[in-house]
Amino acid sequence: MFFDPIYFVIVGPAMLLALWAQMKVKGAYGTWSQQPASSRLTGAQAASRMLQSAGILDVQVEQVQGFLSDHYDPRAKKLRLSPDVYGGQSVAAMGIACHEAGHAMQHAQGYAPLALRNAIVPVAQIGSWISWPMIMLGMFLQMQNLALLGLIAFLALVVFQLVTLPVEFDASNRAKQQIRTLGIVHSDQEGKGVAAVLNAAAMTYVAATVTALAQVIYFALRLGLLGGRSR
């Protein structure tokens, strides 16, 4: 069970996709974090400009420690940027900061997929904690019902990742649309750099979703839900 070659046949390609996506992110960020934006804005200033243009005045932009730890907290209404993005003046910093500002815009405008994602966060967290132990223990002890409950718990995480896709793509599209209009970047080349960074980041979410779906297929096969008998 623990060295099943079928697992690598089904999930292996998705794992390779995830590895490729991570390499794309590192490559795009490595290239465009070295290219200063001609506007000379910092990431914090770029995010603030985007928020102000949307009439969002109640979101605070602040610095948080970590590498690429950037995120928007809808409960606190705070847009938290990593040091390299908060104070950075690179093309990459502009793209990441404006992407996070896009999430704040979604929140302010009641974007439905974001509201759904926020609502299922607790269920997805619980699913991520208990699903694998339940599945593995159920299969090891040949307790079909326990393994099935674990698979159901894991599906909560899969749903969360599926809902995350439109949220992330929409935030990136908002950033790409506004970044030239607001003078955050000035040239087509800089715009292409922003797109390269954001598109690479989006692929990591796609890869994570594909990997999770592949794992569901594998466990469904092992449990006899897609034909044959569990073993």
C-alpha atoms as a PDB file:
ATOM      1  CA  MET A   1       0.000   0.000   0.000  1.00  0.00           C
ATOM      2  CA  PHE A   2       2.761   2.426   0.897  1.00  0.00           C
ATOM      3  CA  PHE A   3       4.761   1.798  -2.315  1.00  0.00           C
ATOM      4  CA  ASP A   4       1.948   1.381  -4.809  1.00  0.00           C
ATOM      5  CA  PRO A   5       3.263   2.067  -8.343  1.00  0.00           C
ATOM      6  CA  ILE A   6      -0.288   2.932  -9.434  1.00  0.00           C
ATOM      7  CA  TYR A   7      -0.086   5.995  -7.173  1.00  0.00           C
ATOM      8  CA  PHE A   8       2.863   7.334  -9.125  1.00  0.00           C
ATOM      9  CA  VAL A   9       1.194   6.517 -12.448  1.00  0.00           C
ATOM     10  CA  ILE A  10      -1.880   8.566 -11.502  1.00  0.00           C
ATOM     11  CA  VAL A  11      -0.430  11.275  -9.268  1.00  0.00           C
ATOM     12  CA  GLY A  12       3.109  11.413 -10.671  1.00  0.00           C
ATOM     13  CA  PRO A  13       2.284  13.620 -13.688  1.00  0.00           C
ATOM     14  CA  ALA A  14       0.484  16.074 -11.415  1.00  0.00           C
ATOM     15  CA  MET A  15       3.496  16.169  -9.099  1.00  0.00           C
ATOM     16  CA  LEU A  16       5.731  16.927 -12.083  1.00  0.00           C
ATOM     17  CA  LEU A  17       3.352  19.726 -13.075  1.00  0.00           C
ATOM     18  CA  ALA A  18       3.609  21.158  -9.562  1.00  0.00           C
ATOM     19  CA  LEU A  19       7.408  21.004  -9.703  1.00  0.00           C
ATOM     20  CA  TRP A  20       7.398  22.742 -13.099  1.00  0.00           C
ATOM     21  CA  ALA A  21       5.054  25.437 -11.757  1.00  0.00           C
ATOM     22  CA  GLN A  22       7.352  26.122  -8.813  1.00  0.00           C
ATOM     23  CA  MET A  23      10.314  26.425 -11.164  1.00  0.00           C
ATOM     24  CA  LYS A  24       8.336  28.870 -13.330  1.00  0.00           C
ATOM     25  CA  VAL A  25       7.539  31.022 -10.297  1.00  0.00           C
ATOM     26  CA  LYS A  26      11.154  31.096  -9.168  1.00  0.00           C
ATOM     27  CA  GLY A  27      12.328  31.910 -12.683  1.00  0.00           C
ATOM     28  CA  ALA A  28       9.783  34.667 -13.318  1.00  0.00           C
ATOM     29  CA  TYR A  29      10.249  36.220  -9.898  1.00  0.00           C
ATOM     30  CA  GLY A  30      14.023  35.939 -10.114  1.00  0.00           C
ATOM     31  CA  THR A  31      14.025  37.770 -13.457  1.00  0.00           C
ATOM     32  CA  TRP A  32      11.519  40.525 -12.740  1.00  0.00           C
ATOM     33  CA  SER A  33      12.509  41.171  -9.138  1.00  0.00           C
ATOM     34  CA  GLN A  34      15.783  42.483 -10.590  1.00  0.00           C
ATOM     35  CA  GLN A  35      14.022  44.848 -13.010  1.00  0.00           C
ATOM     36  CA  PRO A  36      13.073  48.218 -11.445  1.00  0.00           C
ATOM     37  CA  ALA A  37       9.687  49.605 -12.405  1.00  0.00           C
ATOM     38  CA  SER A  38       9.965  52.944 -14.154  1.00  0.00           C
ATOM     39  CA  SER A  39       7.296  54.467 -11.888  1.00  0.00           C
ATOM     40  CA  ARG A  40       9.670  54.073  -8.917  1.00  0.00           C
ATOM     41  CA  LEU A  41       6.712  53.253  -6.690  1.00  0.00           C
ATOM     42  CA  THR A  42       7.103  50.756  -3.876  1.00  0.00           C
ATOM     43  CA  GLY A  43       4.827  47.754  -3.704  1.00  0.00           C
ATOM     44  CA  ALA A  44       2.974  49.356  -0.785  1.00  0.00           C
ATOM     45  CA  GLN A  45       2.414  52.536  -2.778  1.00  0.00           C
ATOM     46  CA  ALA A  46       1.235  50.580  -5.814  1.00  0.00           C
ATOM     47  CA  ALA A  47      -1.274  48.610  -3.745  1.00  0.00           C
ATOM     48  CA  SER A  48      -2.513  51.790  -2.059  1.00  0.00           C
ATOM     49  CA  ARG A  49      -2.957  53.494  -5.407  1.00  0.00           C
ATOM     50  CA  MET A  50      -5.012  50.582  -6.694  1.00  0.00           C
ATOM     51  CA  LEU A  51      -7.163  50.530  -3.550  1.00  0.00           C
ATOM     52  CA  GLN A  52      -7.762  54.278  -3.667  1.00  0.00           C
ATOM     53  CA  SER A  53      -8.753  54.106  -7.328  1.00  0.00           C
ATOM     54  CA  ALA A  54     -11.483  51.637  -6.333  1.00  0.00           C
ATOM     55  CA  GLY A  55     -12.646  53.841  -3.472  1.00  0.00           C
ATOM     56  CA  ILE A  56     -11.402  51.410  -0.833  1.00  0.00           C
ATOM     57  CA  LEU A  57     -10.232  53.500   2.099  1.00  0.00           C
ATOM     58  CA  ASP A  58     -10.649  51.076   5.009  1.00  0.00           C
ATOM     59  CA  VAL A  59      -7.939  48.555   4.083  1.00  0.00           C
ATOM     60  CA  GLN A  60      -4.544  48.976   5.712  1.00  0.00           C
ATOM     61  CA  VAL A  61      -1.397  48.024   3.830  1.00  0.00           C
ATOM     62  CA  GLU A  62       1.257  46.672   6.166  1.00  0.00           C
ATOM     63  CA  GLN A  63       4.500  44.714   6.093  1.00  0.00           C
ATOM     64  CA  VAL A  64       4.686  41.089   7.215  1.00  0.00           C
ATOM     65  CA  GLN A  65       7.764  38.934   7.604  1.00  0.00           C
ATOM     66  CA  GLY A  66       8.549  36.055   5.265  1.00  0.00           C
ATOM     67  CA  PHE A  67       9.456  35.449   1.642  1.00  0.00           C
ATOM     68  CA  LEU A  68       6.506  35.857  -0.741  1.00  0.00           C
ATOM     69  CA  SER A  69       4.176  35.694   2.283  1.00  0.00           C
ATOM     70  CA  ASP A  70       1.914  38.303   0.702  1.00  0.00           C
ATOM     71  CA  HIS A  71      -1.822  37.957   1.335  1.00  0.00           C
ATOM     72  CA  TYR A  72      -5.032  39.847   1.989  1.00  0.00           C
ATOM     73  CA  ASP A  73      -6.796  39.226   5.308  1.00  0.00           C
ATOM     74  CA  PRO A  74     -10.525  39.887   4.777  1.00  0.00           C
ATOM     75  CA  ARG A  75     -11.366  39.603   8.475  1.00  0.00           C
ATOM     76  CA  ALA A  76      -8.884  42.278   9.549  1.00  0.00           C
ATOM     77  CA  LYS A  77      -9.145  44.213   6.263  1.00  0.00           C
ATOM     78  CA  LYS A  78      -5.377  44.284   6.026  1.00  0.00           C
ATOM     79  CA  LEU A  79      -3.226  43.787   2.959  1.00  0.00           C
ATOM     80  CA  ARG A  80      -0.003  42.234   4.172  1.00  0.00           C
ATOM     81  CA  LEU A  81       3.082  42.367   1.976  1.00  0.00           C
ATOM     82  CA  SER A  82       6.441  40.672   2.434  1.00  0.00           C
ATOM     83  CA  PRO A  83       9.475  42.975   2.863  1.00  0.00           C
ATOM     84  CA  ASP A  84      10.701  42.536  -0.725  1.00  0.00           C
ATOM     85  CA  VAL A  85       7.278  43.487  -2.042  1.00  0.00           C
ATOM     86  CA  TYR A  86       6.274  46.128   0.518  1.00  0.00           C
ATOM     87  CA  GLY A  87       9.350  48.267   0.021  1.00  0.00           C
ATOM     88  CA  GLY A  88      10.465  46.857  -3.323  1.00  0.00           C
ATOM     89  CA  GLN A  89      10.350  48.862  -6.527  1.00  0.00           C
ATOM     90  CA  SER A  90      10.693  45.995  -8.968  1.00  0.00           C
ATOM     91  CA  VAL A  91       8.258  44.938 -11.669  1.00  0.00           C
ATOM     92  CA  ALA A  92       7.640  41.736  -9.715  1.00  0.00           C
ATOM     93  CA  ALA A  93       6.789  43.706  -6.572  1.00  0.00           C
ATOM     94  CA  MET A  94       4.284  45.803  -8.526  1.00  0.00           C
ATOM     95  CA  GLY A  95       2.530  42.710  -9.840  1.00  0.00           C
ATOM     96  CA  ILE A  96       2.343  40.892  -6.508  1.00  0.00           C
ATOM     97  CA  ALA A  97       1.198  43.955  -4.570  1.00  0.00           C
ATOM     98  CA  CYS A  98      -1.525  44.767  -7.087  1.00  0.00           C
ATOM     99  CA  HIS A  99      -2.645  41.136  -7.174  1.00  0.00           C
ATOM    100  CA  GLU A 100      -3.248  41.275  -3.420  1.00  0.00           C
ATOM    101  CA  ALA A 101      -5.027  44.597  -3.865  1.00  0.00           C
ATOM    102  CA  GLY A 102      -7.224  42.759  -6.344  1.00  0.00           C
ATOM    103  CA  HIS A 103      -8.345  40.476  -3.521  1.00  0.00           C
ATOM    104  CA  ALA A 104      -9.280  43.505  -1.424  1.00  0.00           C
ATOM    105  CA  MET A 105     -11.313  44.796  -4.365  1.00  0.00           C
ATOM    106  CA  GLN A 106     -13.072  41.444  -4.606  1.00  0.00           C
ATOM    107  CA  HIS A 107     -13.946  41.632  -0.929  1.00  0.00           C
ATOM    108  CA  ALA A 108     -15.252  45.187  -1.167  1.00  0.00           C
ATOM    109  CA  GLN A 109     -17.389  44.341  -4.193  1.00  0.00           C
ATOM    110  CA  GLY A 110     -18.799  41.116  -2.761  1.00  0.00           C
ATOM    111  CA  TYR A 111     -17.174  38.850  -5.328  1.00  0.00           C
ATOM    112  CA  ALA A 112     -19.087  35.574  -4.882  1.00  0.00           C
ATOM    113  CA  PRO A 113     -16.225  33.048  -5.330  1.00  0.00           C
ATOM    114  CA  LEU A 114     -14.168  34.878  -2.682  1.00  0.00           C
ATOM    115  CA  ALA A 115     -17.096  34.843  -0.259  1.00  0.00           C
ATOM    116  CA  LEU A 116     -17.548  31.115  -0.882  1.00  0.00           C
ATOM    117  CA  ARG A 117     -13.854  30.427  -0.388  1.00  0.00           C
ATOM    118  CA  ASN A 118     -13.794  32.356   2.881  1.00  0.00           C
ATOM    119  CA  ALA A 119     -16.883  30.473   4.078  1.00  0.00           C
ATOM    120  CA  ILE A 120     -15.390  27.022   3.510  1.00  0.00           C
ATOM    121  CA  VAL A 121     -11.937  27.761   4.953  1.00  0.00           C
ATOM    122  CA  PRO A 122     -12.711  26.126   8.349  1.00  0.00           C
ATOM    123  CA  VAL A 123     -14.089  22.975   6.701  1.00  0.00           C
ATOM    124  CA  ALA A 124     -11.105  22.779   4.334  1.00  0.00           C
ATOM    125  CA  GLN A 125      -8.658  23.173   7.226  1.00  0.00           C
ATOM    126  CA  ILE A 126     -10.298  20.372   9.174  1.00  0.00           C
ATOM    127  CA  GLY A 127     -10.317  18.216   6.049  1.00  0.00           C
ATOM    128  CA  SER A 128      -6.610  18.799   5.474  1.00  0.00           C
ATOM    129  CA  TRP A 129      -5.812  17.755   9.055  1.00  0.00           C
ATOM    130  CA  ILE A 130      -7.873  14.572   9.338  1.00  0.00           C
ATOM    131  CA  SER A 131      -8.278  13.232   5.803  1.00  0.00           C
ATOM    132  CA  TRP A 132      -4.907  11.549   5.228  1.00  0.00           C
ATOM    133  CA  PRO A 133      -4.713   9.842   8.672  1.00  0.00           C
ATOM    134  CA  MET A 134      -8.265   8.528   8.234  1.00  0.00           C
ATOM    135  CA  ILE A 135      -7.652   7.287   4.686  1.00  0.00           C
ATOM    136  CA  MET A 136      -4.331   5.624   5.452  1.00  0.00           C
ATOM    137  CA  LEU A 137      -5.495   4.091   8.738  1.00  0.00           C
ATOM    138  CA  GLY A 138      -8.717   2.878   7.139  1.00  0.00           C
ATOM    139  CA  MET A 139      -6.842   1.235   4.276  1.00  0.00           C
ATOM    140  CA  PHE A 140      -4.206  -0.282   6.593  1.00  0.00           C
ATOM    141  CA  LEU A 141      -6.827  -1.726   8.957  1.00  0.00           C
ATOM    142  CA  GLN A 142      -9.164  -2.583   6.071  1.00  0.00           C
ATOM    143  CA  MET A 143     -11.857  -0.353   7.560  1.00  0.00           C
ATOM    144  CA  GLN A 144     -13.641   0.782   4.412  1.00  0.00           C
ATOM    145  CA  ASN A 145     -15.996   3.212   6.127  1.00  0.00           C
ATOM    146  CA  LEU A 146     -13.168   5.018   7.908  1.00  0.00           C
ATOM    147  CA  ALA A 147     -11.261   5.404   4.651  1.00  0.00           C
ATOM    148  CA  LEU A 148     -14.402   6.676   2.902  1.00  0.00           C
ATOM    149  CA  LEU A 149     -14.928   9.285   5.619  1.00  0.00           C
ATOM    150  CA  GLY A 150     -11.339  10.380   5.130  1.00  0.00           C
ATOM    151  CA  LEU A 151     -11.904  10.690   1.389  1.00  0.00           C
ATOM    152  CA  ILE A 152     -15.007  12.804   1.990  1.00  0.00           C
ATOM    153  CA  ALA A 153     -12.976  15.048   4.302  1.00  0.00           C
ATOM    154  CA  PHE A 154     -10.305  15.342   1.624  1.00  0.00           C
ATOM    155  CA  LEU A 155     -12.960  16.394  -0.907  1.00  0.00           C
ATOM    156  CA  ALA A 156     -13.570  19.511   1.204  1.00  0.00           C
ATOM    157  CA  LEU A 157      -9.983  20.536   0.504  1.00  0.00           C
ATOM    158  CA  VAL A 158     -10.412  19.782  -3.203  1.00  0.00           C
ATOM    159  CA  VAL A 159     -13.526  21.974  -3.351  1.00  0.00           C
ATOM    160  CA  PHE A 160     -11.592  24.760  -1.635  1.00  0.00           C
ATOM    161  CA  GLN A 161      -8.828  24.533  -4.221  1.00  0.00           C
ATOM    162  CA  LEU A 162     -11.321  24.518  -7.100  1.00  0.00           C
ATOM    163  CA  VAL A 163     -13.009  27.645  -5.742  1.00  0.00           C
ATOM    164  CA  THR A 164      -9.594  29.245  -5.265  1.00  0.00           C
ATOM    165  CA  LEU A 165      -8.849  29.118  -8.998  1.00  0.00           C
ATOM    166  CA  PRO A 166     -11.347  31.779 -10.159  1.00  0.00           C
ATOM    167  CA  VAL A 167     -10.476  33.904  -7.135  1.00  0.00           C
ATOM    168  CA  GLU A 168      -6.776  33.954  -7.988  1.00  0.00           C
ATOM    169  CA  PHE A 169      -7.256  34.385 -11.739  1.00  0.00           C
ATOM    170  CA  ASP A 170      -9.693  37.245 -11.201  1.00  0.00           C
ATOM    171  CA  ALA A 171      -7.335  39.038  -8.796  1.00  0.00           C
ATOM    172  CA  SER A 172      -4.522  38.754 -11.338  1.00  0.00           C
ATOM    173  CA  ASN A 173      -6.762  40.039 -14.134  1.00  0.00           C
ATOM    174  CA  ARG A 174      -7.714  43.046 -12.013  1.00  0.00           C
ATOM    175  CA  ALA A 175      -4.037  43.775 -11.428  1.00  0.00           C
ATOM    176  CA  LYS A 176      -3.140  43.435 -15.111  1.00  0.00           C
ATOM    177  CA  GLN A 177      -5.974  45.742 -16.143  1.00  0.00           C
ATOM    178  CA  GLN A 178      -5.270  48.467 -13.592  1.00  0.00           C
ATOM    179  CA  ILE A 179      -1.499  48.485 -13.458  1.00  0.00           C
ATOM    180  CA  ARG A 180      -1.047  50.400 -16.726  1.00  0.00           C
ATOM    181  CA  THR A 181      -4.125  52.592 -16.321  1.00  0.00           C
ATOM    182  CA  LEU A 182      -2.934  53.851 -12.936  1.00  0.00           C
ATOM    183  CA  GLY A 183       0.649  54.453 -14.079  1.00  0.00           C
ATOM    184  CA  ILE A 184       2.113  51.774 -11.841  1.00  0.00           C
ATOM    185  CA  VAL A 185       4.094  50.472 -14.808  1.00  0.00           C
ATOM    186  CA  HIS A 186       4.737  52.523 -17.928  1.00  0.00           C
ATOM    187  CA  SER A 187       5.821  50.212 -20.724  1.00  0.00           C
ATOM    188  CA  ASP A 188       4.565  47.141 -22.532  1.00  0.00           C
ATOM    189  CA  GLN A 189       7.699  45.318 -21.437  1.00  0.00           C
ATOM    190  CA  GLU A 190       6.946  45.985 -17.774  1.00  0.00           C
ATOM    191  CA  GLY A 191       3.367  44.888 -18.338  1.00  0.00           C
ATOM    192  CA  LYS A 192       4.643  41.637 -19.806  1.00  0.00           C
ATOM    193  CA  GLY A 193       6.842  41.185 -16.749  1.00  0.00           C
ATOM    194  CA  VAL A 194       3.878  41.609 -14.414  1.00  0.00           C
ATOM    195  CA  ALA A 195       1.906  39.104 -16.477  1.00  0.00           C
ATOM    196  CA  ALA A 196       4.803  36.619 -16.420  1.00  0.00           C
ATOM    197  CA  VAL A 197       5.017  36.728 -12.611  1.00  0.00           C
ATOM    198  CA  LEU A 198       1.264  36.495 -12.058  1.00  0.00           C
ATOM    199  CA  ASN A 199       0.723  33.783 -14.680  1.00  0.00           C
ATOM    200  CA  ALA A 200       3.491  31.684 -13.147  1.00  0.00           C
ATOM    201  CA  ALA A 201       1.952  32.086  -9.694  1.00  0.00           C
ATOM    202  CA  ALA A 202      -1.459  31.096 -11.045  1.00  0.00           C
ATOM    203  CA  MET A 203      -0.016  27.857 -12.384  1.00  0.00           C
ATOM    204  CA  THR A 204       0.927  26.792  -8.860  1.00  0.00           C
ATOM    205  CA  TYR A 205      -2.761  26.898  -7.920  1.00  0.00           C
ATOM    206  CA  VAL A 206      -3.666  24.935 -11.037  1.00  0.00           C
ATOM    207  CA  ALA A 207      -1.009  22.346 -10.244  1.00  0.00           C
ATOM    208  CA  ALA A 208      -2.177  22.002  -6.635  1.00  0.00           C
ATOM    209  CA  THR A 209      -5.751  21.450  -7.801  1.00  0.00           C
ATOM    210  CA  VAL A 210      -4.731  18.881 -10.419  1.00  0.00           C
ATOM    211  CA  THR A 211      -2.638  17.037  -7.825  1.00  0.00           C
ATOM    212  CA  ALA A 212      -5.534  16.932  -5.366  1.00  0.00           C
ATOM    213  CA  LEU A 213      -7.922  15.652  -8.043  1.00  0.00           C
ATOM    214  CA  ALA A 214      -5.415  12.966  -9.063  1.00  0.00           C
ATOM    215  CA  GLN A 215      -5.177  11.855  -5.433  1.00  0.00           C
ATOM    216  CA  VAL A 216      -8.963  11.617  -5.216  1.00  0.00           C
ATOM    217  CA  ILE A 217      -8.987   9.408  -8.327  1.00  0.00           C
ATOM    218  CA  TYR A 218      -6.274   7.188  -6.883  1.00  0.00           C
ATOM    219  CA  PHE A 219      -8.002   6.668  -3.539  1.00  0.00           C
ATOM    220  CA  ALA A 220     -11.370   6.177  -5.227  1.00  0.00           C
ATOM    221  CA  LEU A 221      -9.769   3.395  -7.281  1.00  0.00           C
ATOM    222  CA  ARG A 222      -8.150   1.831  -4.225  1.00  0.00           C
ATOM    223  CA  LEU A 223     -11.459   1.894  -2.366  1.00  0.00           C
ATOM    224  CA  GLY A 224     -13.343   0.350  -5.260  1.00  0.00           C
ATOM    225  CA  LEU A 225     -15.440   3.421  -6.039  1.00  0.00           C
ATOM    226  CA  LEU A 226     -14.374   3.624  -9.693  1.00  0.00           C
ATOM    227  CA  GLY A 227     -14.598  -0.044 -10.576  1.00  0.00           C
ATOM    228  CA  GLY A 228     -13.111  -3.193  -9.178  1.00  0.00           C
ATOM    229  CA  ARG A 229     -12.688  -4.042  -5.528  1.00  0.00           C
ATOM    230  CA  SER A 230     -10.734  -2.240  -2.848  1.00  0.00           C
ATOM    231  CA  ARG A 231      -7.512  -3.861  -1.815  1.00  0.00           C
END
